[in-house]
């Protein structure tokens, strides 16, 4: 089946290079590339289980973002230095 595709220049150069290096027709290269892309998109990944560990965060810090926690700890460190 014939079809017209608009392919960006950089991608077209890569396809031409692959075609010339493997000495295979451009049609074969494009078909193989599309098949690989479509099969990779259809593969479902397994859910990843992440093991968590308690790190002893003070109750006052629970439920805040890591950025907020970092900012709070930085302020506390500066206060300690200022008191010394």
N, C-alpha and C. Protein backbone atom coordinates (compact mmCIF):
# COMPACT_ATOMS: atom_id res chain seq x y z
N UNK A 1 0.85 -1.17 0.00
CA UNK A 1 0.00 0.00 0.00
C UNK A 1 0.89 1.23 0.00
N UNK A 2 0.54 2.18 -0.80
CA UNK A 2 1.31 3.41 -0.90
C UNK A 2 0.68 4.45 0.00
N UNK A 3 1.54 5.26 0.62
CA UNK A 3 1.06 6.34 1.48
C UNK A 3 2.10 7.45 1.45
N UNK A 4 1.64 8.65 1.63
CA UNK A 4 2.55 9.79 1.70
C UNK A 4 2.66 10.23 3.15
N UNK A 5 3.91 10.32 3.63
CA UNK A 5 4.16 10.76 5.01
C UNK A 5 5.01 12.01 5.00
N UNK A 6 4.75 12.89 5.94
CA UNK A 6 5.62 14.04 6.15
C UNK A 6 6.55 13.69 7.31
N UNK A 7 7.83 13.54 7.02
CA UNK A 7 8.83 13.17 8.02
C UNK A 7 9.81 14.31 8.15
N UNK A 8 10.17 14.64 9.39
CA UNK A 8 11.11 15.75 9.55
C UNK A 8 12.47 15.36 8.96
N UNK A 9 13.26 16.37 8.59
CA UNK A 9 14.50 16.15 7.86
C UNK A 9 15.51 15.30 8.63
N UNK A 10 15.63 15.53 9.92
CA UNK A 10 16.60 14.78 10.72
C UNK A 10 16.24 13.30 10.76
N UNK A 11 14.96 13.00 10.92
CA UNK A 11 14.52 11.61 10.95
C UNK A 11 14.71 10.96 9.58
N UNK A 12 14.44 11.70 8.53
CA UNK A 12 14.63 11.17 7.18
C UNK A 12 16.10 10.83 6.93
N UNK A 13 16.99 11.68 7.41
CA UNK A 13 18.43 11.42 7.25
C UNK A 13 18.83 10.16 8.01
N UNK A 14 18.28 9.97 9.20
CA UNK A 14 18.58 8.76 9.98
C UNK A 14 18.09 7.50 9.24
N UNK A 15 16.90 7.58 8.66
CA UNK A 15 16.35 6.45 7.92
C UNK A 15 17.20 6.15 6.69
N UNK A 16 17.62 7.19 5.98
CA UNK A 16 18.47 7.00 4.80
C UNK A 16 19.81 6.39 5.19
N UNK A 17 20.39 6.86 6.28
CA UNK A 17 21.67 6.35 6.75
C UNK A 17 21.54 4.87 7.11
N UNK A 18 20.49 4.53 7.83
CA UNK A 18 20.25 3.13 8.20
C UNK A 18 20.06 2.26 6.96
N UNK A 19 19.35 2.80 5.99
CA UNK A 19 19.11 2.07 4.75
C UNK A 19 20.41 1.82 4.00
N UNK A 20 21.26 2.83 3.94
CA UNK A 20 22.51 2.67 3.20
C UNK A 20 23.49 1.77 3.95
N UNK A 21 23.51 1.85 5.29
CA UNK A 21 24.44 1.01 6.07
C UNK A 21 24.05 -0.46 6.02
N UNK A 22 22.75 -0.74 6.04
CA UNK A 22 22.30 -2.13 6.04
C UNK A 22 22.04 -2.66 4.63
N UNK A 23 22.14 -1.75 3.65
CA UNK A 23 21.89 -2.11 2.24
C UNK A 23 20.51 -2.74 2.07
N UNK A 24 19.54 -2.14 2.74
CA UNK A 24 18.15 -2.59 2.65
C UNK A 24 17.31 -1.44 2.13
N UNK A 25 16.19 -1.73 1.48
CA UNK A 25 15.36 -0.66 0.94
C UNK A 25 14.74 0.18 2.06
N UNK A 26 14.50 1.43 1.72
CA UNK A 26 13.90 2.37 2.67
C UNK A 26 12.56 1.85 3.19
N UNK A 27 11.77 1.22 2.33
CA UNK A 27 10.47 0.68 2.73
C UNK A 27 10.62 -0.33 3.86
N UNK A 28 11.60 -1.20 3.75
CA UNK A 28 11.83 -2.21 4.79
C UNK A 28 12.23 -1.56 6.11
N UNK A 29 13.07 -0.55 6.02
CA UNK A 29 13.53 0.15 7.23
C UNK A 29 12.35 0.84 7.90
N UNK A 30 11.54 1.55 7.14
CA UNK A 30 10.38 2.25 7.70
C UNK A 30 9.39 1.26 8.30
N UNK A 31 9.10 0.17 7.60
CA UNK A 31 8.16 -0.83 8.13
C UNK A 31 8.67 -1.42 9.45
N UNK A 32 9.93 -1.79 9.47
CA UNK A 32 10.51 -2.38 10.68
C UNK A 32 10.47 -1.38 11.84
N UNK A 33 10.80 -0.14 11.56
CA UNK A 33 10.79 0.89 12.60
C UNK A 33 9.39 1.12 13.15
N UNK A 34 8.41 1.17 12.27
CA UNK A 34 7.03 1.34 12.72
C UNK A 34 6.55 0.14 13.53
N UNK A 35 6.90 -1.07 13.09
CA UNK A 35 6.51 -2.27 13.83
C UNK A 35 7.11 -2.28 15.23
N UNK A 36 8.38 -1.92 15.34
CA UNK A 36 9.03 -1.88 16.65
C UNK A 36 8.37 -0.83 17.55
N UNK A 37 8.09 0.32 16.98
CA UNK A 37 7.46 1.38 17.78
C UNK A 37 6.09 0.99 18.26
N UNK A 38 5.31 0.38 17.38
CA UNK A 38 3.96 -0.02 17.77
C UNK A 38 3.97 -1.16 18.78
N UNK A 39 4.89 -2.10 18.63
CA UNK A 39 4.93 -3.21 19.60
C UNK A 39 5.43 -2.72 20.95
N UNK A 40 6.35 -1.77 20.97
CA UNK A 40 6.84 -1.23 22.24
C UNK A 40 5.75 -0.46 22.96
N UNK A 41 4.89 0.22 22.21
CA UNK A 41 3.82 1.00 22.82
C UNK A 41 2.75 0.10 23.40
N UNK A 42 2.61 -1.12 22.88
CA UNK A 42 1.55 -2.00 23.35
C UNK A 42 1.98 -2.87 24.52
N UNK A 43 3.27 -2.89 24.84
CA UNK A 43 3.75 -3.70 25.97
C UNK A 43 3.33 -3.02 27.27
N UNK A 44 2.62 -3.76 28.09
CA UNK A 44 2.21 -3.18 29.37
C UNK A 44 3.28 -3.49 30.41
N UNK A 45 3.65 -2.48 31.15
CA UNK A 45 4.68 -2.68 32.17
C UNK A 45 4.04 -3.16 33.46
N UNK A 46 4.80 -3.94 34.19
CA UNK A 46 4.33 -4.45 35.47
C UNK A 46 4.36 -3.32 36.49
N UNK A 47 3.40 -3.31 37.41
CA UNK A 47 3.45 -2.29 38.46
C UNK A 47 4.70 -2.48 39.32
N UNK A 48 5.28 -1.41 39.73
CA UNK A 48 6.48 -1.45 40.54
C UNK A 48 6.10 -1.27 42.00
N UNK A 49 6.57 -2.16 42.85
CA UNK A 49 6.30 -2.04 44.27
C UNK A 49 7.49 -1.37 44.92
N UNK A 50 7.22 -0.29 45.61
CA UNK A 50 8.27 0.45 46.28
C UNK A 50 8.18 0.18 47.77
N UNK A 51 9.27 -0.28 48.33
CA UNK A 51 9.31 -0.54 49.77
C UNK A 51 9.67 0.76 50.49
N UNK A 52 8.89 1.09 51.49
CA UNK A 52 9.14 2.31 52.25
C UNK A 52 9.71 1.97 53.62
N UNK A 53 10.38 2.91 54.20
CA UNK A 53 10.98 2.75 55.51
C UNK A 53 10.66 3.96 56.37
N UNK A 54 10.45 3.74 57.64
CA UNK A 54 10.22 4.85 58.56
C UNK A 54 11.55 5.56 58.77
N UNK A 55 11.51 6.89 58.72
CA UNK A 55 12.74 7.65 58.91
C UNK A 55 12.68 8.55 60.13
N UNK A 56 11.63 8.45 60.89
CA UNK A 56 11.54 9.19 62.15
C UNK A 56 11.32 10.68 62.00
N UNK A 57 10.43 11.08 61.11
CA UNK A 57 10.13 12.50 60.93
C UNK A 57 9.24 12.95 62.08
N UNK A 58 9.54 14.13 62.60
CA UNK A 58 8.75 14.69 63.69
C UNK A 58 7.29 14.82 63.24
N UNK A 59 6.33 14.60 64.16
CA UNK A 59 4.92 14.71 63.79
C UNK A 59 4.56 16.05 63.15
N UNK A 60 5.26 17.10 63.54
CA UNK A 60 4.96 18.43 62.99
C UNK A 60 5.29 18.53 61.50
N UNK A 61 6.20 17.68 61.03
CA UNK A 61 6.63 17.73 59.63
C UNK A 61 5.89 16.77 58.72
N UNK A 62 5.07 15.90 59.27
CA UNK A 62 4.36 14.93 58.46
C UNK A 62 3.31 15.61 57.60
N UNK A 63 3.19 15.17 56.37
CA UNK A 63 2.17 15.70 55.48
C UNK A 63 2.60 16.93 54.69
N UNK A 64 3.87 17.35 54.81
CA UNK A 64 4.33 18.49 54.01
C UNK A 64 5.25 17.95 52.92
N UNK A 65 5.45 18.76 51.90
CA UNK A 65 6.28 18.32 50.77
C UNK A 65 7.75 18.29 51.17
N UNK A 66 8.55 17.60 50.38
CA UNK A 66 9.99 17.52 50.66
C UNK A 66 10.64 18.89 50.58
N UNK A 67 10.17 19.74 49.68
CA UNK A 67 10.73 21.09 49.59
C UNK A 67 10.43 21.88 50.85
N UNK A 68 9.21 21.77 51.34
CA UNK A 68 8.85 22.46 52.57
C UNK A 68 9.66 21.93 53.75
N UNK A 69 9.84 20.62 53.80
CA UNK A 69 10.62 20.00 54.86
C UNK A 69 12.06 20.49 54.81
N UNK A 70 12.64 20.50 53.63
CA UNK A 70 14.02 20.98 53.47
C UNK A 70 14.13 22.43 53.92
N UNK A 71 13.19 23.27 53.51
CA UNK A 71 13.21 24.68 53.91
C UNK A 71 13.14 24.81 55.43
N UNK A 72 12.26 24.04 56.06
CA UNK A 72 12.11 24.12 57.51
C UNK A 72 13.38 23.68 58.23
N UNK A 73 13.98 22.59 57.76
CA UNK A 73 15.22 22.11 58.37
C UNK A 73 16.36 23.10 58.18
N UNK A 74 16.39 23.74 57.04
CA UNK A 74 17.42 24.75 56.77
C UNK A 74 17.26 25.93 57.72
N UNK A 75 16.03 26.36 57.96
CA UNK A 75 15.77 27.46 58.90
C UNK A 75 16.21 27.07 60.30
N UNK A 76 15.88 25.85 60.72
CA UNK A 76 16.27 25.39 62.05
C UNK A 76 17.79 25.35 62.20
N UNK A 77 18.49 24.92 61.17
CA UNK A 77 19.96 24.90 61.22
C UNK A 77 20.52 26.31 61.34
N UNK A 78 19.95 27.25 60.61
CA UNK A 78 20.42 28.64 60.69
C UNK A 78 20.17 29.22 62.07
N UNK A 79 19.05 28.88 62.67
CA UNK A 79 18.75 29.37 64.02
C UNK A 79 19.74 28.80 65.03
N UNK A 80 20.11 27.54 64.88
CA UNK A 80 21.08 26.93 65.78
C UNK A 80 22.43 27.63 65.69
N UNK A 81 22.85 27.95 64.46
CA UNK A 81 24.14 28.62 64.24
C UNK A 81 24.08 30.03 64.83
N UNK A 82 22.94 30.72 64.68
CA UNK A 82 22.79 32.08 65.19
C UNK A 82 22.83 32.10 66.72
N UNK A 83 22.31 31.04 67.35
CA UNK A 83 22.29 30.98 68.82
C UNK A 83 23.68 30.73 69.39
N UNK A 84 24.57 30.11 68.62
CA UNK A 84 25.92 29.79 69.11
C UNK A 84 26.80 30.94 69.08
